Amino acid sequence: MEEKFCFVAVEFINDPNVVGLKYWYLCADETVCVNSVVLAPLGRHNNEQQGLVREVRFAPDYEAPFPIHLIKSIKKVIK
């Protein structure tokens, strides 16, 4: 059986520079759901910001929604 990863699309609604855009992350907490608040690194400096999960997808690495070697990980699921 192949390993499936938990991918989440996050929107940073409090950041006017990226509001309306979704960024894909790996999430170790597979209980995460749509509208969960998460802490994730954003940008080239990896500043941690709160965002909202807009989509959750379970898939093997070769079906990742973005090249898997470029996907960052969620730091914490807040609620």
PDB file of N, CA and C in Angstrom:
ATOM      1  N   MET A   1       0.847  -1.187   0.000  1.00  0.00           N
ATOM      2  CA  MET A   1       0.000   0.000   0.000  1.00  0.00           C
ATOM      3  C   MET A   1       0.890   1.247   0.000  1.00  0.00           C
ATOM      4  N   GLU A   2       0.571   2.189  -0.865  1.00  0.00           N
ATOM      5  CA  GLU A   2       1.401   3.379  -0.970  1.00  0.00           C
ATOM      6  C   GLU A   2       1.076   4.397   0.121  1.00  0.00           C
ATOM      7  N   GLU A   3       2.095   5.154   0.476  1.00  0.00           N
ATOM      8  CA  GLU A   3       1.934   6.176   1.506  1.00  0.00           C
ATOM      9  C   GLU A   3       1.230   7.398   0.923  1.00  0.00           C
ATOM     10  N   LYS A   4       0.246   7.907   1.670  1.00  0.00           N
ATOM     11  CA  LYS A   4      -0.442   9.129   1.259  1.00  0.00           C
ATOM     12  C   LYS A   4      -0.086  10.235   2.240  1.00  0.00           C
ATOM     13  N   PHE A   5       0.074  11.417   1.704  1.00  0.00           N
ATOM     14  CA  PHE A   5       0.425  12.585   2.494  1.00  0.00           C
ATOM     15  C   PHE A   5      -0.796  13.486   2.615  1.00  0.00           C
ATOM     16  N   CYS A   6      -0.815  14.279   3.664  1.00  0.00           N
ATOM     17  CA  CYS A   6      -1.887  15.252   3.877  1.00  0.00           C
ATOM     18  C   CYS A   6      -1.401  16.609   3.372  1.00  0.00           C
ATOM     19  N   PHE A   7      -2.036  17.094   2.309  1.00  0.00           N
ATOM     20  CA  PHE A   7      -1.723  18.397   1.738  1.00  0.00           C
ATOM     21  C   PHE A   7      -2.862  19.356   2.079  1.00  0.00           C
ATOM     22  N   VAL A   8      -2.516  20.581   2.472  1.00  0.00           N
ATOM     23  CA  VAL A   8      -3.541  21.573   2.766  1.00  0.00           C
ATOM     24  C   VAL A   8      -3.244  22.862   2.003  1.00  0.00           C
ATOM     25  N   ALA A   9      -4.302  23.472   1.481  1.00  0.00           N
ATOM     26  CA  ALA A   9      -4.193  24.774   0.831  1.00  0.00           C
ATOM     27  C   ALA A   9      -4.571  25.817   1.870  1.00  0.00           C
ATOM     28  N   VAL A  10      -3.678  26.771   2.094  1.00  0.00           N
ATOM     29  CA  VAL A  10      -3.871  27.780   3.138  1.00  0.00           C
ATOM     30  C   VAL A  10      -3.980  29.157   2.507  1.00  0.00           C
ATOM     31  N   GLU A  11      -4.935  29.951   3.028  1.00  0.00           N
ATOM     32  CA  GLU A  11      -5.071  31.344   2.628  1.00  0.00           C
ATOM     33  C   GLU A  11      -4.745  32.217   3.831  1.00  0.00           C
ATOM     34  N   PHE A  12      -3.922  33.211   3.611  1.00  0.00           N
ATOM     35  CA  PHE A  12      -3.513  34.131   4.674  1.00  0.00           C
ATOM     36  C   PHE A  12      -4.364  35.395   4.557  1.00  0.00           C
ATOM     37  N   ILE A  13      -5.530  35.382   5.207  1.00  0.00           N
ATOM     38  CA  ILE A  13      -6.509  36.450   5.031  1.00  0.00           C
ATOM     39  C   ILE A  13      -6.110  37.759   5.703  1.00  0.00           C
ATOM     40  N   ASN A  14      -5.157  37.716   6.632  1.00  0.00           N
ATOM     41  CA  ASN A  14      -4.733  38.928   7.332  1.00  0.00           C
ATOM     42  C   ASN A  14      -3.511  39.595   6.707  1.00  0.00           C
ATOM     43  N   ASP A  15      -3.011  39.046   5.613  1.00  0.00           N
ATOM     44  CA  ASP A  15      -1.845  39.614   4.937  1.00  0.00           C
ATOM     45  C   ASP A  15      -2.288  40.222   3.606  1.00  0.00           C
ATOM     46  N   PRO A  16      -2.348  41.548   3.522  1.00  0.00           N
ATOM     47  CA  PRO A  16      -2.844  42.193   2.294  1.00  0.00           C
ATOM     48  C   PRO A  16      -2.003  41.887   1.051  1.00  0.00           C
ATOM     49  N   ASN A  17      -0.760  41.459   1.244  1.00  0.00           N
ATOM     50  CA  ASN A  17       0.101  41.142   0.099  1.00  0.00           C
ATOM     51  C   ASN A  17      -0.283  39.847  -0.592  1.00  0.00           C
ATOM     52  N   VAL A  18      -0.921  38.927   0.130  1.00  0.00           N
ATOM     53  CA  VAL A  18      -1.224  37.613  -0.447  1.00  0.00           C
ATOM     54  C   VAL A  18      -2.674  37.188  -0.257  1.00  0.00           C
ATOM     55  N   VAL A  19      -3.531  38.063   0.253  1.00  0.00           N
ATOM     56  CA  VAL A  19      -4.930  37.707   0.470  1.00  0.00           C
ATOM     57  C   VAL A  19      -5.555  37.273  -0.858  1.00  0.00           C
ATOM     58  N   GLY A  20      -6.335  36.230  -0.803  1.00  0.00           N
ATOM     59  CA  GLY A  20      -6.968  35.694  -2.008  1.00  0.00           C
ATOM     60  C   GLY A  20      -6.169  34.609  -2.693  1.00  0.00           C
ATOM     61  N   LEU A  21      -4.917  34.410  -2.283  1.00  0.00           N
ATOM     62  CA  LEU A  21      -4.070  33.362  -2.859  1.00  0.00           C
ATOM     63  C   LEU A  21      -4.029  32.162  -1.919  1.00  0.00           C
ATOM     64  N   LYS A  22      -3.886  30.968  -2.498  1.00  0.00           N
ATOM     65  CA  LYS A  22      -3.754  29.754  -1.689  1.00  0.00           C
ATOM     66  C   LYS A  22      -2.355  29.186  -1.862  1.00  0.00           C
ATOM     67  N   TYR A  23      -1.782  28.738  -0.758  1.00  0.00           N
ATOM     68  CA  TYR A  23      -0.450  28.130  -0.756  1.00  0.00           C
ATOM     69  C   TYR A  23      -0.571  26.710  -0.211  1.00  0.00           C
ATOM     70  N   TRP A  24       0.092  25.770  -0.873  1.00  0.00           N
ATOM     71  CA  TRP A  24       0.023  24.363  -0.465  1.00  0.00           C
ATOM     72  C   TRP A  24       1.118  24.032   0.544  1.00  0.00           C
ATOM     73  N   TYR A  25       0.737  23.241   1.554  1.00  0.00           N
ATOM     74  CA  TYR A  25       1.644  22.798   2.611  1.00  0.00           C
ATOM     75  C   TYR A  25       1.403  21.329   2.903  1.00  0.00           C
ATOM     76  N   LEU A  26       2.415  20.695   3.475  1.00  0.00           N
ATOM     77  CA  LEU A  26       2.256  19.367   4.057  1.00  0.00           C
ATOM     78  C   LEU A  26       1.804  19.550   5.498  1.00  0.00           C
ATOM     79  N   CYS A  27       0.938  18.664   5.962  1.00  0.00           N
ATOM     80  CA  CYS A  27       0.452  18.766   7.331  1.00  0.00           C
ATOM     81  C   CYS A  27       0.553  17.410   8.006  1.00  0.00           C
ATOM     82  N   ALA A  28       1.286  17.342   9.111  1.00  0.00           N
ATOM     83  CA  ALA A  28       1.453  16.091   9.843  1.00  0.00           C
ATOM     84  C   ALA A  28       0.184  15.708  10.601  1.00  0.00           C
ATOM     85  N   ASP A  29      -0.636  16.685  10.955  1.00  0.00           N
ATOM     86  CA  ASP A  29      -1.874  16.445  11.693  1.00  0.00           C
ATOM     87  C   ASP A  29      -2.985  16.128  10.686  1.00  0.00           C
ATOM     88  N   GLU A  30      -3.288  14.858  10.518  1.00  0.00           N
ATOM     89  CA  GLU A  30      -4.265  14.446   9.518  1.00  0.00           C
ATOM     90  C   GLU A  30      -5.705  14.693   9.945  1.00  0.00           C
ATOM     91  N   THR A  31      -5.917  15.225  11.151  1.00  0.00           N
ATOM     92  CA  THR A  31      -7.271  15.579  11.586  1.00  0.00           C
ATOM     93  C   THR A  31      -7.623  17.009  11.165  1.00  0.00           C
ATOM     94  N   VAL A  32      -6.702  17.704  10.525  1.00  0.00           N
ATOM     95  CA  VAL A  32      -6.946  19.073  10.067  1.00  0.00           C
ATOM     96  C   VAL A  32      -8.129  19.075   9.100  1.00  0.00           C
ATOM     97  N   CYS A  33      -8.916  20.141   9.128  1.00  0.00           N
ATOM     98  CA  CYS A  33     -10.070  20.226   8.243  1.00  0.00           C
ATOM     99  C   CYS A  33     -10.197  21.639   7.673  1.00  0.00           C
ATOM    100  N   VAL A  34     -11.082  21.789   6.713  1.00  0.00           N
ATOM    101  CA  VAL A  34     -11.334  23.096   6.103  1.00  0.00           C
ATOM    102  C   VAL A  34     -11.761  24.073   7.193  1.00  0.00           C
ATOM    103  N   ASN A  35     -11.247  25.272   7.127  1.00  0.00           N
ATOM    104  CA  ASN A  35     -11.467  26.368   8.079  1.00  0.00           C
ATOM    105  C   ASN A  35     -10.669  26.231   9.372  1.00  0.00           C
ATOM    106  N   SER A  36      -9.783  25.234   9.477  1.00  0.00           N
ATOM    107  CA  SER A  36      -8.866  25.169  10.617  1.00  0.00           C
ATOM    108  C   SER A  36      -7.901  26.345  10.531  1.00  0.00           C
ATOM    109  N   VAL A  37      -7.526  26.876  11.680  1.00  0.00           N
ATOM    110  CA  VAL A  37      -6.525  27.940  11.742  1.00  0.00           C
ATOM    111  C   VAL A  37      -5.175  27.265  11.960  1.00  0.00           C
ATOM    112  N   VAL A  38      -4.192  27.626  11.140  1.00  0.00           N
ATOM    113  CA  VAL A  38      -2.868  27.016  11.228  1.00  0.00           C
ATOM    114  C   VAL A  38      -1.788  28.079  11.278  1.00  0.00           C
ATOM    115  N   LEU A  39      -0.627  27.682  11.746  1.00  0.00           N
ATOM    116  CA  LEU A  39       0.566  28.522  11.743  1.00  0.00           C
ATOM    117  C   LEU A  39       1.509  27.930  10.704  1.00  0.00           C
ATOM    118  N   ALA A  40       1.893  28.754   9.719  1.00  0.00           N
ATOM    119  CA  ALA A  40       2.702  28.248   8.607  1.00  0.00           C
ATOM    120  C   ALA A  40       3.750  29.269   8.182  1.00  0.00           C
ATOM    121  N   PRO A  41       4.894  28.785   7.660  1.00  0.00           N
ATOM    122  CA  PRO A  41       5.917  29.692   7.150  1.00  0.00           C
ATOM    123  C   PRO A  41       5.487  30.263   5.800  1.00  0.00           C
ATOM    124  N   LEU A  42       5.738  31.555   5.608  1.00  0.00           N
ATOM    125  CA  LEU A  42       5.328  32.204   4.367  1.00  0.00           C
ATOM    126  C   LEU A  42       6.480  33.035   3.820  1.00  0.00           C
ATOM    127  N   GLY A  43       6.671  32.956   2.520  1.00  0.00           N
ATOM    128  CA  GLY A  43       7.683  33.768   1.853  1.00  0.00           C
ATOM    129  C   GLY A  43       9.077  33.192   1.968  1.00  0.00           C
ATOM    130  N   ARG A  44      10.012  33.870   1.342  1.00  0.00           N
ATOM    131  CA  ARG A  44      11.387  33.352   1.318  1.00  0.00           C
ATOM    132  C   ARG A  44      12.070  33.441   2.675  1.00  0.00           C
ATOM    133  N   HIS A  45      11.546  34.277   3.574  1.00  0.00           N
ATOM    134  CA  HIS A  45      12.121  34.379   4.913  1.00  0.00           C
ATOM    135  C   HIS A  45      11.407  33.475   5.908  1.00  0.00           C
ATOM    136  N   ASN A  46      10.396  32.758   5.444  1.00  0.00           N
ATOM    137  CA  ASN A  46       9.650  31.797   6.268  1.00  0.00           C
ATOM    138  C   ASN A  46       9.077  32.413   7.539  1.00  0.00           C
ATOM    139  N   ASN A  47       8.576  33.643   7.426  1.00  0.00           N
ATOM    140  CA  ASN A  47       7.912  34.267   8.568  1.00  0.00           C
ATOM    141  C   ASN A  47       6.640  33.488   8.877  1.00  0.00           C
ATOM    142  N   GLU A  48       6.469  33.088  10.135  1.00  0.00           N
ATOM    143  CA  GLU A  48       5.290  32.313  10.511  1.00  0.00           C
ATOM    144  C   GLU A  48       4.082  33.228  10.641  1.00  0.00           C
ATOM    145  N   GLN A  49       2.999  32.826   9.976  1.00  0.00           N
ATOM    146  CA  GLN A  49       1.760  33.590   9.999  1.00  0.00           C
ATOM    147  C   GLN A  49       0.582  32.643  10.177  1.00  0.00           C
ATOM    148  N   GLN A  50      -0.505  33.192  10.709  1.00  0.00           N
ATOM    149  CA  GLN A  50      -1.730  32.415  10.825  1.00  0.00           C
ATOM    150  C   GLN A  50      -2.479  32.453   9.506  1.00  0.00           C
ATOM    151  N   GLY A  51      -3.040  31.319   9.152  1.00  0.00           N
ATOM    152  CA  GLY A  51      -3.833  31.229   7.929  1.00  0.00           C
ATOM    153  C   GLY A  51      -5.000  30.294   8.131  1.00  0.00           C
ATOM    154  N   LEU A  52      -5.888  30.272   7.151  1.00  0.00           N
ATOM    155  CA  LEU A  52      -7.055  29.399   7.177  1.00  0.00           C
ATOM    156  C   LEU A  52      -6.899  28.306   6.134  1.00  0.00           C
ATOM    157  N   VAL A  53      -7.199  27.081   6.535  1.00  0.00           N
ATOM    158  CA  VAL A  53      -7.158  25.961   5.597  1.00  0.00           C
ATOM    159  C   VAL A  53      -8.386  26.066   4.698  1.00  0.00           C
ATOM    160  N   ARG A  54      -8.166  26.079   3.398  1.00  0.00           N
ATOM    161  CA  ARG A  54      -9.253  26.186   2.425  1.00  0.00           C
ATOM    162  C   ARG A  54      -9.533  24.863   1.710  1.00  0.00           C
ATOM    163  N   GLU A  55      -8.538  23.952   1.735  1.00  0.00           N
ATOM    164  CA  GLU A  55      -8.715  22.658   1.069  1.00  0.00           C
ATOM    165  C   GLU A  55      -7.784  21.642   1.713  1.00  0.00           C
ATOM    166  N   VAL A  56      -8.259  20.404   1.833  1.00  0.00           N
ATOM    167  CA  VAL A  56      -7.448  19.303   2.360  1.00  0.00           C
ATOM    168  C   VAL A  56      -7.461  18.204   1.306  1.00  0.00           C
ATOM    169  N   ARG A  57      -6.279  17.669   1.018  1.00  0.00           N
ATOM    170  CA  ARG A  57      -6.162  16.619   0.007  1.00  0.00           C
ATOM    171  C   ARG A  57      -5.183  15.554   0.491  1.00  0.00           C
ATOM    172  N   PHE A  58      -5.576  14.284   0.397  1.00  0.00           N
ATOM    173  CA  PHE A  58      -4.700  13.158   0.715  1.00  0.00           C
ATOM    174  C   PHE A  58      -4.284  12.512  -0.595  1.00  0.00           C
ATOM    175  N   ALA A  59      -2.971  12.421  -0.809  1.00  0.00           N
ATOM    176  CA  ALA A  59      -2.471  11.896  -2.077  1.00  0.00           C
ATOM    177  C   ALA A  59      -1.046  11.379  -1.905  1.00  0.00           C
ATOM    178  N   PRO A  60      -0.621  10.452  -2.777  1.00  0.00           N
ATOM    179  CA  PRO A  60       0.785  10.035  -2.767  1.00  0.00           C
ATOM    180  C   PRO A  60       1.663  11.177  -3.274  1.00  0.00           C
ATOM    181  N   ASP A  61       2.955  11.071  -3.013  1.00  0.00           N
ATOM    182  CA  ASP A  61       3.868  12.158  -3.372  1.00  0.00           C
ATOM    183  C   ASP A  61       3.844  12.508  -4.856  1.00  0.00           C
ATOM    184  N   TYR A  62       3.641  11.532  -5.724  1.00  0.00           N
ATOM    185  CA  TYR A  62       3.656  11.808  -7.157  1.00  0.00           C
ATOM    186  C   TYR A  62       2.378  12.500  -7.636  1.00  0.00           C
ATOM    187  N   GLU A  63       1.369  12.637  -6.780  1.00  0.00           N
ATOM    188  CA  GLU A  63       0.151  13.377  -7.114  1.00  0.00           C
ATOM    189  C   GLU A  63       0.033  14.649  -6.270  1.00  0.00           C
ATOM    190  N   ALA A  64       1.150  15.126  -5.760  1.00  0.00           N
ATOM    191  CA  ALA A  64       1.156  16.343  -4.942  1.00  0.00           C
ATOM    192  C   ALA A  64       0.620  17.514  -5.777  1.00  0.00           C
ATOM    193  N   PRO A  65      -0.096  18.449  -5.144  1.00  0.00           N
ATOM    194  CA  PRO A  65      -0.658  19.580  -5.882  1.00  0.00           C
ATOM    195  C   PRO A  65       0.384  20.620  -6.313  1.00  0.00           C
ATOM    196  N   PHE A  66       1.612  20.438  -5.860  1.00  0.00           N
ATOM    197  CA  PHE A  66       2.726  21.337  -6.152  1.00  0.00           C
ATOM    198  C   PHE A  66       3.971  20.468  -6.033  1.00  0.00           C
ATOM    199  N   PRO A  67       5.066  20.750  -6.715  1.00  0.00           N
ATOM    200  CA  PRO A  67       6.251  19.893  -6.585  1.00  0.00           C
ATOM    201  C   PRO A  67       6.613  19.663  -5.110  1.00  0.00           C
ATOM    202  N   ILE A  68       6.619  18.410  -4.711  1.00  0.00           N
ATOM    203  CA  ILE A  68       6.730  18.071  -3.290  1.00  0.00           C
ATOM    204  C   ILE A  68       8.031  18.572  -2.663  1.00  0.00           C
ATOM    205  N   HIS A  69       9.096  18.660  -3.425  1.00  0.00           N
ATOM    206  CA  HIS A  69      10.360  19.135  -2.851  1.00  0.00           C
ATOM    207  C   HIS A  69      10.329  20.631  -2.542  1.00  0.00           C
ATOM    208  N   LEU A  70       9.307  21.335  -3.008  1.00  0.00           N
ATOM    209  CA  LEU A  70       9.165  22.767  -2.742  1.00  0.00           C
ATOM    210  C   LEU A  70       8.096  23.079  -1.687  1.00  0.00           C
ATOM    211  N   ILE A  71       7.354  22.075  -1.266  1.00  0.00           N
ATOM    212  CA  ILE A  71       6.257  22.299  -0.321  1.00  0.00           C
ATOM    213  C   ILE A  71       6.797  22.388   1.102  1.00  0.00           C
ATOM    214  N   LYS A  72       6.408  23.445   1.802  1.00  0.00           N
ATOM    215  CA  LYS A  72       6.779  23.631   3.210  1.00  0.00           C
ATOM    216  C   LYS A  72       5.756  22.904   4.085  1.00  0.00           C
ATOM    217  N   SER A  73       6.035  22.860   5.364  1.00  0.00           N
ATOM    218  CA  SER A  73       5.145  22.149   6.291  1.00  0.00           C
ATOM    219  C   SER A  73       4.471  23.104   7.262  1.00  0.00           C
ATOM    220  N   ILE A  74       3.254  22.742   7.627  1.00  0.00           N
ATOM    221  CA  ILE A  74       2.504  23.469   8.657  1.00  0.00           C
ATOM    222  C   ILE A  74       3.263  23.307   9.978  1.00  0.00           C
ATOM    223  N   LYS A  75       3.422  24.387  10.705  1.00  0.00           N
ATOM    224  CA  LYS A  75       4.118  24.339  11.994  1.00  0.00           C
ATOM    225  C   LYS A  75       3.189  23.898  13.119  1.00  0.00           C
ATOM    226  N   LYS A  76       1.914  24.342  13.071  1.00  0.00           N
ATOM    227  CA  LYS A  76       0.996  24.034  14.163  1.00  0.00           C
ATOM    228  C   LYS A  76      -0.442  24.237  13.686  1.00  0.00           C
ATOM    229  N   VAL A  77      -1.321  23.307  14.092  1.00  0.00           N
ATOM    230  CA  VAL A  77      -2.752  23.503  13.901  1.00  0.00           C
ATOM    231  C   VAL A  77      -3.278  24.129  15.175  1.00  0.00           C
ATOM    232  N   ILE A  78      -3.823  25.337  15.072  1.00  0.00           N
ATOM    233  CA  ILE A  78      -4.245  26.085  16.264  1.00  0.00           C
ATOM    234  C   ILE A  78      -5.645  25.688  16.682  1.00  0.00           C
ATOM    235  N   LYS A  79      -6.574  25.642  15.733  1.00  0.00           N
ATOM    236  CA  LYS A  79      -7.945  25.182  16.050  1.00  0.00           C
ATOM    237  C   LYS A  79      -8.666  24.768  14.803  1.00  0.00           C
TER     238      LYS A  79
END
